[in-house]
């Protein structure tokens, strides 16, 4: 007979639970677009409606390994998020600001 996960977790040491939580957090912090969409509770069809495109376009975007930043930004924003471009170096992290105003009207 299968055991409930809560019962199995209760048998784990505090160190093992903390380690499992760290691994789960790491997995949630990094995922492909299709998993992110699913984690947000959205179907391809729902996202397509928000972006005013056909569902196959969403499937195609999710399979791409290379795309315009503006395409990725609109995809992320349609899911309710905000895209930031970050460069990581051995001596620190830098947010790239060139893309902050993409798609926003220019100030007069």
PDB file of N, CA and C in Angstrom:
ATOM      1  N   UNK A   1       0.835  -1.180   0.000  1.00  0.00           N
ATOM      2  CA  UNK A   1       0.000   0.000   0.000  1.00  0.00           C
ATOM      3  C   UNK A   1       0.882   1.247   0.000  1.00  0.00           C
ATOM      4  N   UNK A   2       0.493   2.244  -0.747  1.00  0.00           N
ATOM      5  CA  UNK A   2       1.260   3.477  -0.860  1.00  0.00           C
ATOM      6  C   UNK A   2       1.115   4.317   0.408  1.00  0.00           C
ATOM      7  N   UNK A   3       2.221   4.958   0.776  1.00  0.00           N
ATOM      8  CA  UNK A   3       2.198   5.843   1.940  1.00  0.00           C
ATOM      9  C   UNK A   3       1.954   7.268   1.480  1.00  0.00           C
ATOM     10  N   UNK A   4       1.341   8.051   2.333  1.00  0.00           N
ATOM     11  CA  UNK A   4       1.140   9.459   2.025  1.00  0.00           C
ATOM     12  C   UNK A   4       2.466  10.190   2.163  1.00  0.00           C
ATOM     13  N   UNK A   5       2.672  11.173   1.285  1.00  0.00           N
ATOM     14  CA  UNK A   5       3.925  11.930   1.302  1.00  0.00           C
ATOM     15  C   UNK A   5       4.136  12.625   2.644  1.00  0.00           C
ATOM     16  N   UNK A   6       3.073  13.145   3.228  1.00  0.00           N
ATOM     17  CA  UNK A   6       3.190  13.829   4.522  1.00  0.00           C
ATOM     18  C   UNK A   6       3.731  12.875   5.588  1.00  0.00           C
ATOM     19  N   UNK A   7       3.317  11.609   5.535  1.00  0.00           N
ATOM     20  CA  UNK A   7       3.811  10.628   6.498  1.00  0.00           C
ATOM     21  C   UNK A   7       5.291  10.342   6.271  1.00  0.00           C
ATOM     22  N   UNK A   8       5.690  10.231   5.016  1.00  0.00           N
ATOM     23  CA  UNK A   8       7.100  10.011   4.698  1.00  0.00           C
ATOM     24  C   UNK A   8       7.953  11.203   5.123  1.00  0.00           C
ATOM     25  N   UNK A   9       7.455  12.407   4.861  1.00  0.00           N
ATOM     26  CA  UNK A   9       8.183  13.608   5.227  1.00  0.00           C
ATOM     27  C   UNK A   9       8.345  13.706   6.748  1.00  0.00           C
ATOM     28  N   UNK A  10       7.327  13.308   7.472  1.00  0.00           N
ATOM     29  CA  UNK A  10       7.374  13.368   8.936  1.00  0.00           C
ATOM     30  C   UNK A  10       8.467  12.469   9.493  1.00  0.00           C
ATOM     31  N   UNK A  11       8.820  11.414   8.764  1.00  0.00           N
ATOM     32  CA  UNK A  11       9.877  10.498   9.205  1.00  0.00           C
ATOM     33  C   UNK A  11      11.273  11.012   8.881  1.00  0.00           C
ATOM     34  N   UNK A  12      11.367  12.039   8.047  1.00  0.00           N
ATOM     35  CA  UNK A  12      12.675  12.593   7.654  1.00  0.00           C
ATOM     36  C   UNK A  12      13.261  13.426   8.788  1.00  0.00           C
ATOM     37  N   UNK A  13      14.581  13.465   8.834  1.00  0.00           N
ATOM     38  CA  UNK A  13      15.244  14.322   9.820  1.00  0.00           C
ATOM     39  C   UNK A  13      15.044  15.778   9.414  1.00  0.00           C
ATOM     40  N   UNK A  14      15.170  16.706  10.358  1.00  0.00           N
ATOM     41  CA  UNK A  14      15.057  18.125   9.994  1.00  0.00           C
ATOM     42  C   UNK A  14      16.062  18.539   8.919  1.00  0.00           C
ATOM     43  N   UNK A  15      17.256  17.962   8.964  1.00  0.00           N
ATOM     44  CA  UNK A  15      18.280  18.273   7.958  1.00  0.00           C
ATOM     45  C   UNK A  15      17.841  17.783   6.578  1.00  0.00           C
ATOM     46  N   UNK A  16      17.275  16.583   6.525  1.00  0.00           N
ATOM     47  CA  UNK A  16      16.815  16.024   5.250  1.00  0.00           C
ATOM     48  C   UNK A  16      15.646  16.833   4.701  1.00  0.00           C
ATOM     49  N   UNK A  17      14.728  17.267   5.572  1.00  0.00           N
ATOM     50  CA  UNK A  17      13.609  18.109   5.119  1.00  0.00           C
ATOM     51  C   UNK A  17      14.116  19.431   4.568  1.00  0.00           C
ATOM     52  N   UNK A  18      15.095  20.038   5.252  1.00  0.00           N
ATOM     53  CA  UNK A  18      15.657  21.311   4.790  1.00  0.00           C
ATOM     54  C   UNK A  18      16.340  21.130   3.437  1.00  0.00           C
ATOM     55  N   UNK A  19      17.075  20.030   3.279  1.00  0.00           N
ATOM     56  CA  UNK A  19      17.756  19.754   2.009  1.00  0.00           C
ATOM     57  C   UNK A  19      16.737  19.551   0.885  1.00  0.00           C
ATOM     58  N   UNK A  20      15.675  18.814   1.177  1.00  0.00           N
ATOM     59  CA  UNK A  20      14.626  18.586   0.174  1.00  0.00           C
ATOM     60  C   UNK A  20      13.949  19.902  -0.205  1.00  0.00           C
ATOM     61  N   UNK A  21      13.729  20.773   0.776  1.00  0.00           N
ATOM     62  CA  UNK A  21      13.107  22.070   0.497  1.00  0.00           C
ATOM     63  C   UNK A  21      14.017  22.938  -0.371  1.00  0.00           C
ATOM     64  N   UNK A  22      15.318  22.913  -0.095  1.00  0.00           N
ATOM     65  CA  UNK A  22      16.284  23.661  -0.915  1.00  0.00           C
ATOM     66  C   UNK A  22      16.256  23.181  -2.360  1.00  0.00           C
ATOM     67  N   UNK A  23      16.222  21.863  -2.553  1.00  0.00           N
ATOM     68  CA  UNK A  23      16.175  21.313  -3.916  1.00  0.00           C
ATOM     69  C   UNK A  23      14.877  21.705  -4.622  1.00  0.00           C
ATOM     70  N   UNK A  24      13.776  21.655  -3.892  1.00  0.00           N
ATOM     71  CA  UNK A  24      12.484  22.043  -4.477  1.00  0.00           C
ATOM     72  C   UNK A  24      12.489  23.507  -4.870  1.00  0.00           C
ATOM     73  N   UNK A  25      13.032  24.362  -4.023  1.00  0.00           N
ATOM     74  CA  UNK A  25      13.118  25.793  -4.331  1.00  0.00           C
ATOM     75  C   UNK A  25      13.993  26.045  -5.545  1.00  0.00           C
ATOM     76  N   UNK A  26      15.104  25.322  -5.658  1.00  0.00           N
ATOM     77  CA  UNK A  26      15.993  25.476  -6.815  1.00  0.00           C
ATOM     78  C   UNK A  26      15.274  25.064  -8.100  1.00  0.00           C
ATOM     79  N   UNK A  27      14.494  23.997  -8.035  1.00  0.00           N
ATOM     80  CA  UNK A  27      13.753  23.546  -9.215  1.00  0.00           C
ATOM     81  C   UNK A  27      12.692  24.561  -9.615  1.00  0.00           C
ATOM     82  N   UNK A  28      12.060  25.189  -8.629  1.00  0.00           N
ATOM     83  CA  UNK A  28      11.036  26.184  -8.931  1.00  0.00           C
ATOM     84  C   UNK A  28      11.637  27.489  -9.437  1.00  0.00           C
ATOM     85  N   UNK A  29      12.886  27.756  -9.091  1.00  0.00           N
ATOM     86  CA  UNK A  29      13.531  29.002  -9.484  1.00  0.00           C
ATOM     87  C   UNK A  29      14.032  28.963 -10.924  1.00  0.00           C
ATOM     88  N   UNK A  30      14.104  27.792 -11.520  1.00  0.00           N
ATOM     89  CA  UNK A  30      14.619  27.672 -12.881  1.00  0.00           C
ATOM     90  C   UNK A  30      13.806  26.617 -13.615  1.00  0.00           C
ATOM     91  N   UNK A  31      13.137  27.038 -14.697  1.00  0.00           N
ATOM     92  CA  UNK A  31      12.338  26.096 -15.471  1.00  0.00           C
ATOM     93  C   UNK A  31      12.123  26.620 -16.880  1.00  0.00           C
ATOM     94  N   UNK A  32      11.863  25.725 -17.820  1.00  0.00           N
ATOM     95  CA  UNK A  32      11.554  26.159 -19.189  1.00  0.00           C
ATOM     96  C   UNK A  32      10.206  26.867 -19.246  1.00  0.00           C
ATOM     97  N   UNK A  33       9.975  27.602 -20.332  1.00  0.00           N
ATOM     98  CA  UNK A  33       8.744  28.387 -20.477  1.00  0.00           C
ATOM     99  C   UNK A  33       7.473  27.551 -20.326  1.00  0.00           C
ATOM    100  N   UNK A  34       7.440  26.373 -20.924  1.00  0.00           N
ATOM    101  CA  UNK A  34       6.205  25.576 -20.852  1.00  0.00           C
ATOM    102  C   UNK A  34       5.911  25.153 -19.416  1.00  0.00           C
ATOM    103  N   UNK A  35       6.959  24.847 -18.631  1.00  0.00           N
ATOM    104  CA  UNK A  35       6.740  24.487 -17.232  1.00  0.00           C
ATOM    105  C   UNK A  35       6.309  25.703 -16.419  1.00  0.00           C
ATOM    106  N   UNK A  36       6.876  26.859 -16.736  1.00  0.00           N
ATOM    107  CA  UNK A  36       6.484  28.091 -16.052  1.00  0.00           C
ATOM    108  C   UNK A  36       5.005  28.384 -16.313  1.00  0.00           C
ATOM    109  N   UNK A  37       4.596  28.253 -17.571  1.00  0.00           N
ATOM    110  CA  UNK A  37       3.182  28.479 -17.923  1.00  0.00           C
ATOM    111  C   UNK A  37       2.286  27.524 -17.144  1.00  0.00           C
ATOM    112  N   UNK A  38       2.663  26.256 -17.113  1.00  0.00           N
ATOM    113  CA  UNK A  38       1.867  25.256 -16.396  1.00  0.00           C
ATOM    114  C   UNK A  38       1.838  25.550 -14.896  1.00  0.00           C
ATOM    115  N   UNK A  39       2.981  25.956 -14.336  1.00  0.00           N
ATOM    116  CA  UNK A  39       3.042  26.281 -12.909  1.00  0.00           C
ATOM    117  C   UNK A  39       2.158  27.477 -12.579  1.00  0.00           C
ATOM    118  N   UNK A  40       1.959  28.373 -13.547  1.00  0.00           N
ATOM    119  CA  UNK A  40       1.091  29.537 -13.353  1.00  0.00           C
ATOM    120  C   UNK A  40      -0.377  29.185 -13.592  1.00  0.00           C
ATOM    121  N   UNK A  41      -0.642  27.924 -13.943  1.00  0.00           N
ATOM    122  CA  UNK A  41      -2.014  27.467 -14.126  1.00  0.00           C
ATOM    123  C   UNK A  41      -2.638  27.920 -15.434  1.00  0.00           C
ATOM    124  N   UNK A  42      -1.801  28.129 -16.445  1.00  0.00           N
ATOM    125  CA  UNK A  42      -2.300  28.601 -17.738  1.00  0.00           C
ATOM    126  C   UNK A  42      -2.139  27.524 -18.801  1.00  0.00           C
ATOM    127  N   UNK A  43      -3.114  27.437 -19.686  1.00  0.00           N
ATOM    128  CA  UNK A  43      -2.997  26.557 -20.849  1.00  0.00           C
ATOM    129  C   UNK A  43      -2.407  27.376 -22.001  1.00  0.00           C
ATOM    130  N   UNK A  44      -1.945  26.688 -23.030  1.00  0.00           N
ATOM    131  CA  UNK A  44      -1.459  27.393 -24.220  1.00  0.00           C
ATOM    132  C   UNK A  44      -2.581  28.224 -24.831  1.00  0.00           C
ATOM    133  N   UNK A  45      -3.782  27.683 -24.811  1.00  0.00           N
ATOM    134  CA  UNK A  45      -4.926  28.398 -25.392  1.00  0.00           C
ATOM    135  C   UNK A  45      -5.204  29.684 -24.625  1.00  0.00           C
ATOM    136  N   UNK A  46      -5.169  29.623 -23.300  1.00  0.00           N
ATOM    137  CA  UNK A  46      -5.413  30.820 -22.483  1.00  0.00           C
ATOM    138  C   UNK A  46      -4.363  31.887 -22.759  1.00  0.00           C
ATOM    139  N   UNK A  47      -3.114  31.472 -22.825  1.00  0.00           N
ATOM    140  CA  UNK A  47      -2.028  32.418 -23.077  1.00  0.00           C
ATOM    141  C   UNK A  47      -2.149  33.004 -24.483  1.00  0.00           C
ATOM    142  N   UNK A  48      -2.531  32.179 -25.438  1.00  0.00           N
ATOM    143  CA  UNK A  48      -2.723  32.648 -26.816  1.00  0.00           C
ATOM    144  C   UNK A  48      -3.800  33.729 -26.880  1.00  0.00           C
ATOM    145  N   UNK A  49      -4.864  33.558 -26.115  1.00  0.00           N
ATOM    146  CA  UNK A  49      -5.941  34.552 -26.103  1.00  0.00           C
ATOM    147  C   UNK A  49      -5.448  35.888 -25.544  1.00  0.00           C
ATOM    148  N   UNK A  50      -4.633  35.837 -24.501  1.00  0.00           N
ATOM    149  CA  UNK A  50      -4.100  37.066 -23.906  1.00  0.00           C
ATOM    150  C   UNK A  50      -3.174  37.783 -24.895  1.00  0.00           C
ATOM    151  N   UNK A  51      -2.377  36.999 -25.628  1.00  0.00           N
ATOM    152  CA  UNK A  51      -1.411  37.573 -26.572  1.00  0.00           C
ATOM    153  C   UNK A  51      -2.015  37.841 -27.953  1.00  0.00           C
ATOM    154  N   UNK A  52      -3.275  37.463 -28.156  1.00  0.00           N
ATOM    155  CA  UNK A  52      -3.964  37.649 -29.441  1.00  0.00           C
ATOM    156  C   UNK A  52      -3.232  36.929 -30.581  1.00  0.00           C
ATOM    157  N   UNK A  53      -2.857  35.678 -30.306  1.00  0.00           N
ATOM    158  CA  UNK A  53      -2.235  34.817 -31.311  1.00  0.00           C
ATOM    159  C   UNK A  53      -2.948  33.469 -31.270  1.00  0.00           C
ATOM    160  N   UNK A  54      -2.600  32.594 -32.193  1.00  0.00           N
ATOM    161  CA  UNK A  54      -3.165  31.247 -32.213  1.00  0.00           C
ATOM    162  C   UNK A  54      -2.365  30.340 -31.271  1.00  0.00           C
ATOM    163  N   UNK A  55      -2.998  29.311 -30.756  1.00  0.00           N
ATOM    164  CA  UNK A  55      -2.350  28.382 -29.827  1.00  0.00           C
ATOM    165  C   UNK A  55      -1.074  27.765 -30.378  1.00  0.00           C
ATOM    166  N   UNK A  56      -1.017  27.386 -31.673  1.00  0.00           N
ATOM    167  CA  UNK A  56       0.244  26.818 -32.187  1.00  0.00           C
ATOM    168  C   UNK A  56       1.435  27.782 -32.071  1.00  0.00           C
ATOM    169  N   UNK A  57       1.172  29.076 -32.078  1.00  0.00           N
ATOM    170  CA  UNK A  57       2.253  30.055 -31.905  1.00  0.00           C
ATOM    171  C   UNK A  57       2.870  29.941 -30.520  1.00  0.00           C
ATOM    172  N   UNK A  58       2.048  29.672 -29.515  1.00  0.00           N
ATOM    173  CA  UNK A  58       2.550  29.506 -28.153  1.00  0.00           C
ATOM    174  C   UNK A  58       3.414  28.257 -28.071  1.00  0.00           C
ATOM    175  N   UNK A  59       2.948  27.168 -28.683  1.00  0.00           N
ATOM    176  CA  UNK A  59       3.718  25.922 -28.692  1.00  0.00           C
ATOM    177  C   UNK A  59       5.074  26.143 -29.356  1.00  0.00           C
ATOM    178  N   UNK A  60       5.086  26.899 -30.440  1.00  0.00           N
ATOM    179  CA  UNK A  60       6.328  27.165 -31.165  1.00  0.00           C
ATOM    180  C   UNK A  60       7.293  28.001 -30.314  1.00  0.00           C
ATOM    181  N   UNK A  61       6.783  29.026 -29.651  1.00  0.00           N
ATOM    182  CA  UNK A  61       7.620  29.874 -28.791  1.00  0.00           C
ATOM    183  C   UNK A  61       8.235  29.045 -27.668  1.00  0.00           C
ATOM    184  N   UNK A  62       7.433  28.162 -27.086  1.00  0.00           N
ATOM    185  CA  UNK A  62       7.912  27.370 -25.953  1.00  0.00           C
ATOM    186  C   UNK A  62       9.003  26.375 -26.347  1.00  0.00           C
ATOM    187  N   UNK A  63       9.085  26.035 -27.627  1.00  0.00           N
ATOM    188  CA  UNK A  63      10.112  25.096 -28.092  1.00  0.00           C
ATOM    189  C   UNK A  63      11.389  25.802 -28.535  1.00  0.00           C
ATOM    190  N   UNK A  64      11.329  27.106 -28.715  1.00  0.00           N
ATOM    191  CA  UNK A  64      12.491  27.856 -29.194  1.00  0.00           C
ATOM    192  C   UNK A  64      13.596  27.914 -28.151  1.00  0.00           C
ATOM    193  N   UNK A  65      14.829  27.928 -28.643  1.00  0.00           N
ATOM    194  CA  UNK A  65      15.972  28.151 -27.762  1.00  0.00           C
ATOM    195  C   UNK A  65      16.560  29.536 -27.992  1.00  0.00           C
ATOM    196  N   UNK A  66      16.062  30.232 -29.013  1.00  0.00           N
ATOM    197  CA  UNK A  66      16.548  31.569 -29.342  1.00  0.00           C
ATOM    198  C   UNK A  66      15.351  32.408 -29.785  1.00  0.00           C
ATOM    199  N   UNK A  67      15.190  33.596 -29.187  1.00  0.00           N
ATOM    200  CA  UNK A  67      14.071  34.457 -29.558  1.00  0.00           C
ATOM    201  C   UNK A  67      14.406  35.902 -29.216  1.00  0.00           C
ATOM    202  N   UNK A  68      13.626  36.811 -29.760  1.00  0.00           N
ATOM    203  CA  UNK A  68      13.780  38.219 -29.420  1.00  0.00           C
ATOM    204  C   UNK A  68      13.421  38.450 -27.957  1.00  0.00           C
ATOM    205  N   UNK A  69      14.100  39.377 -27.338  1.00  0.00           N
ATOM    206  CA  UNK A  69      13.790  39.732 -25.956  1.00  0.00           C
ATOM    207  C   UNK A  69      12.367  40.262 -25.864  1.00  0.00           C
ATOM    208  N   UNK A  70      11.921  41.008 -26.868  1.00  0.00           N
ATOM    209  CA  UNK A  70      10.555  41.546 -26.847  1.00  0.00           C
ATOM    210  C   UNK A  70       9.516  40.425 -26.879  1.00  0.00           C
ATOM    211  N   UNK A  71       9.806  39.338 -27.595  1.00  0.00           N
ATOM    212  CA  UNK A  71       8.898  38.191 -27.637  1.00  0.00           C
ATOM    213  C   UNK A  71       8.829  37.529 -26.269  1.00  0.00           C
ATOM    214  N   UNK A  72       9.992  37.324 -25.663  1.00  0.00           N
ATOM    215  CA  UNK A  72      10.037  36.723 -24.333  1.00  0.00           C
ATOM    216  C   UNK A  72       9.351  37.622 -23.312  1.00  0.00           C
ATOM    217  N   UNK A  73       9.598  38.934 -23.408  1.00  0.00           N
ATOM    218  CA  UNK A  73       8.973  39.876 -22.468  1.00  0.00           C
ATOM    219  C   UNK A  73       7.451  39.804 -22.564  1.00  0.00           C
ATOM    220  N   UNK A  74       6.898  39.828 -23.775  1.00  0.00           N
ATOM    221  CA  UNK A  74       5.438  39.800 -23.913  1.00  0.00           C
ATOM    222  C   UNK A  74       4.873  38.485 -23.383  1.00  0.00           C
ATOM    223  N   UNK A  75       5.589  37.393 -23.583  1.00  0.00           N
ATOM    224  CA  UNK A  75       5.171  36.081 -23.093  1.00  0.00           C
ATOM    225  C   UNK A  75       5.128  36.080 -21.561  1.00  0.00           C
ATOM    226  N   UNK A  76       6.167  36.597 -20.940  1.00  0.00           N
ATOM    227  CA  UNK A  76       6.252  36.651 -19.475  1.00  0.00           C
ATOM    228  C   UNK A  76       5.187  37.593 -18.913  1.00  0.00           C
ATOM    229  N   UNK A  77       5.010  38.756 -19.530  1.00  0.00           N
ATOM    230  CA  UNK A  77       4.009  39.715 -19.054  1.00  0.00           C
ATOM    231  C   UNK A  77       2.591  39.162 -19.190  1.00  0.00           C
ATOM    232  N   UNK A  78       2.343  38.367 -20.239  1.00  0.00           N
ATOM    233  CA  UNK A  78       1.018  37.756 -20.412  1.00  0.00           C
ATOM    234  C   UNK A  78       0.722  36.755 -19.296  1.00  0.00           C
ATOM    235  N   UNK A  79       1.783  36.232 -18.668  1.00  0.00           N
ATOM    236  CA  UNK A  79       1.614  35.316 -17.542  1.00  0.00           C
ATOM    237  C   UNK A  79       1.543  36.064 -16.220  1.00  0.00           C
ATOM    238  N   UNK A  80       1.652  37.392 -16.295  1.00  0.00           N
ATOM    239  CA  UNK A  80       1.573  38.195 -15.070  1.00  0.00           C
ATOM    240  C   UNK A  80       2.916  38.529 -14.458  1.00  0.00           C
ATOM    241  N   UNK A  81       3.987  38.273 -15.186  1.00  0.00           N
ATOM    242  CA  UNK A  81       5.327  38.520 -14.655  1.00  0.00           C
ATOM    243  C   UNK A  81       5.983  39.738 -15.269  1.00  0.00           C
ATOM    244  N   UNK A  82       7.229  39.919 -14.922  1.00  0.00           N
ATOM    245  CA  UNK A  82       8.042  41.020 -15.440  1.00  0.00           C
ATOM    246  C   UNK A  82       9.418  40.455 -15.770  1.00  0.00           C
ATOM    247  N   UNK A  83       9.913  40.745 -16.958  1.00  0.00           N
ATOM    248  CA  UNK A  83      11.205  40.224 -17.391  1.00  0.00           C
ATOM    249  C   UNK A  83      12.323  41.192 -17.023  1.00  0.00           C
ATOM    250  N   UNK A  84      13.388  40.664 -16.424  1.00  0.00           N
ATOM    251  CA  UNK A  84      14.595  41.432 -16.161  1.00  0.00           C
ATOM    252  C   UNK A  84      15.750  40.676 -16.794  1.00  0.00           C
ATOM    253  N   UNK A  85      16.676  41.398 -17.425  1.00  0.00           N
ATOM    254  CA  UNK A  85      17.857  40.777 -18.006  1.00  0.00           C
ATOM    255  C   UNK A  85      19.018  41.044 -17.055  1.00  0.00           C
ATOM    256  N   UNK A  86      19.615  39.977 -16.549  1.00  0.00           N
ATOM    257  CA  UNK A  86      20.673  40.053 -15.560  1.00  0.00           C
ATOM    258  C   UNK A  86      21.933  39.390 -16.120  1.00  0.00           C
ATOM    259  N   UNK A  87      23.077  40.062 -15.969  1.00  0.00           N
ATOM    260  CA  UNK A  87      24.375  39.489 -16.339  1.00  0.00           C
ATOM    261  C   UNK A  87      25.103  39.120 -15.051  1.00  0.00           C
ATOM    262  N   UNK A  88      25.572  37.881 -14.966  1.00  0.00           N
ATOM    263  CA  UNK A  88      26.292  37.415 -13.786  1.00  0.00           C
ATOM    264  C   UNK A  88      27.775  37.307 -14.102  1.00  0.00           C
ATOM    265  N   UNK A  89      28.584  37.905 -13.247  1.00  0.00           N
ATOM    266  CA  UNK A  89      30.036  37.871 -13.372  1.00  0.00           C
ATOM    267  C   UNK A  89      30.617  37.315 -12.079  1.00  0.00           C
ATOM    268  N   UNK A  90      31.864  36.859 -12.108  1.00  0.00           N
ATOM    269  CA  UNK A  90      32.466  36.350 -10.868  1.00  0.00           C
ATOM    270  C   UNK A  90      32.462  37.375  -9.733  1.00  0.00           C
ATOM    271  N   UNK A  91      32.522  38.659 -10.086  1.00  0.00           N
ATOM    272  CA  UNK A  91      32.591  39.685  -9.042  1.00  0.00           C
ATOM    273  C   UNK A  91      31.258  40.374  -8.777  1.00  0.00           C
ATOM    274  N   UNK A  92      30.179  39.884  -9.374  1.00  0.00           N
ATOM    275  CA  UNK A  92      28.881  40.482  -9.087  1.00  0.00           C
ATOM    276  C   UNK A  92      27.869  40.318 -10.198  1.00  0.00           C
ATOM    277  N   UNK A  93      26.704  40.887  -9.968  1.00  0.00           N
ATOM    278  CA  UNK A  93      25.566  40.784 -10.879  1.00  0.00           C
ATOM    279  C   UNK A  93      25.187  42.187 -11.333  1.00  0.00           C
ATOM    280  N   UNK A  94      24.843  42.319 -12.628  1.00  0.00           N
ATOM    281  CA  UNK A  94      24.453  43.611 -13.189  1.00  0.00           C
ATOM    282  C   UNK A  94      23.138  43.441 -13.934  1.00  0.00           C
ATOM    283  N   UNK A  95      22.154  44.291 -13.613  1.00  0.00           N
ATOM    284  CA  UNK A  95      20.890  44.302 -14.347  1.00  0.00           C
ATOM    285  C   UNK A  95      21.110  45.144 -15.603  1.00  0.00           C
ATOM    286  N   UNK A  96      20.822  44.585 -16.754  1.00  0.00           N
ATOM    287  CA  UNK A  96      20.982  45.289 -18.024  1.00  0.00           C
ATOM    288  C   UNK A  96      19.738  46.150 -18.238  1.00  0.00           C
ATOM    289  N   UNK A  97      19.931  47.446 -18.325  1.00  0.00           N
ATOM    290  CA  UNK A  97      18.795  48.371 -18.372  1.00  0.00           C
ATOM    291  C   UNK A  97      18.348  48.736 -19.783  1.00  0.00           C
ATOM    292  N   UNK A  98      19.094  48.359 -20.813  1.00  0.00           N
ATOM    293  CA  UNK A  98      18.728  48.707 -22.185  1.00  0.00           C
ATOM    294  C   UNK A  98      17.320  48.249 -22.551  1.00  0.00           C
ATOM    295  N   UNK A  99      16.874  47.174 -21.944  1.00  0.00           N
ATOM    296  CA  UNK A  99      15.624  46.547 -22.331  1.00  0.00           C
ATOM    297  C   UNK A  99      14.461  46.950 -21.446  1.00  0.00           C
ATOM    298  N   UNK A 100      14.697  47.799 -20.482  1.00  0.00           N
ATOM    299  CA  UNK A 100      13.666  48.167 -19.514  1.00  0.00           C
ATOM    300  C   UNK A 100      12.481  48.861 -20.173  1.00  0.00           C
ATOM    301  N   UNK A 101      12.714  49.633 -21.211  1.00  0.00           N
ATOM    302  CA  UNK A 101      11.641  50.411 -21.822  1.00  0.00           C
ATOM    303  C   UNK A 101      11.152  49.820 -23.144  1.00  0.00           C
ATOM    304  N   UNK A 102      11.518  48.583 -23.448  1.00  0.00           N
ATOM    305  CA  UNK A 102      11.051  47.944 -24.681  1.00  0.00           C
ATOM    306  C   UNK A 102       9.525  47.902 -24.687  1.00  0.00           C
ATOM    307  N   UNK A 103       8.953  48.336 -25.746  1.00  0.00           N
ATOM    308  CA  UNK A 103       7.506  48.255 -25.893  1.00  0.00           C
ATOM    309  C   UNK A 103       6.756  49.371 -25.200  1.00  0.00           C
ATOM    310  N   UNK A 104       7.455  50.281 -24.521  1.00  0.00           N
ATOM    311  CA  UNK A 104       6.795  51.405 -23.878  1.00  0.00           C
ATOM    312  C   UNK A 104       6.944  52.622 -24.755  1.00  0.00           C
ATOM    313  N   UNK A 105       5.944  53.492 -24.823  1.00  0.00           N
ATOM    314  CA  UNK A 105       6.046  54.675 -25.668  1.00  0.00           C
ATOM    315  C   UNK A 105       7.186  55.586 -25.197  1.00  0.00           C
ATOM    316  N   UNK A 106       7.878  56.168 -26.159  1.00  0.00           N
ATOM    317  CA  UNK A 106       8.990  57.079 -25.846  1.00  0.00           C
ATOM    318  C   UNK A 106       8.436  58.369 -25.233  1.00  0.00           C
ATOM    319  N   UNK A 107       9.185  58.902 -24.275  1.00  0.00           N
ATOM    320  CA  UNK A 107       8.781  60.162 -23.627  1.00  0.00           C
ATOM    321  C   UNK A 107       8.995  61.313 -24.599  1.00  0.00           C
ATOM    322  N   UNK A 108       8.090  62.291 -24.598  1.00  0.00           N
ATOM    323  CA  UNK A 108       8.182  63.417 -25.527  1.00  0.00           C
ATOM    324  C   UNK A 108       9.207  64.424 -25.071  1.00  0.00           C
TER     325      UNK A 108
END
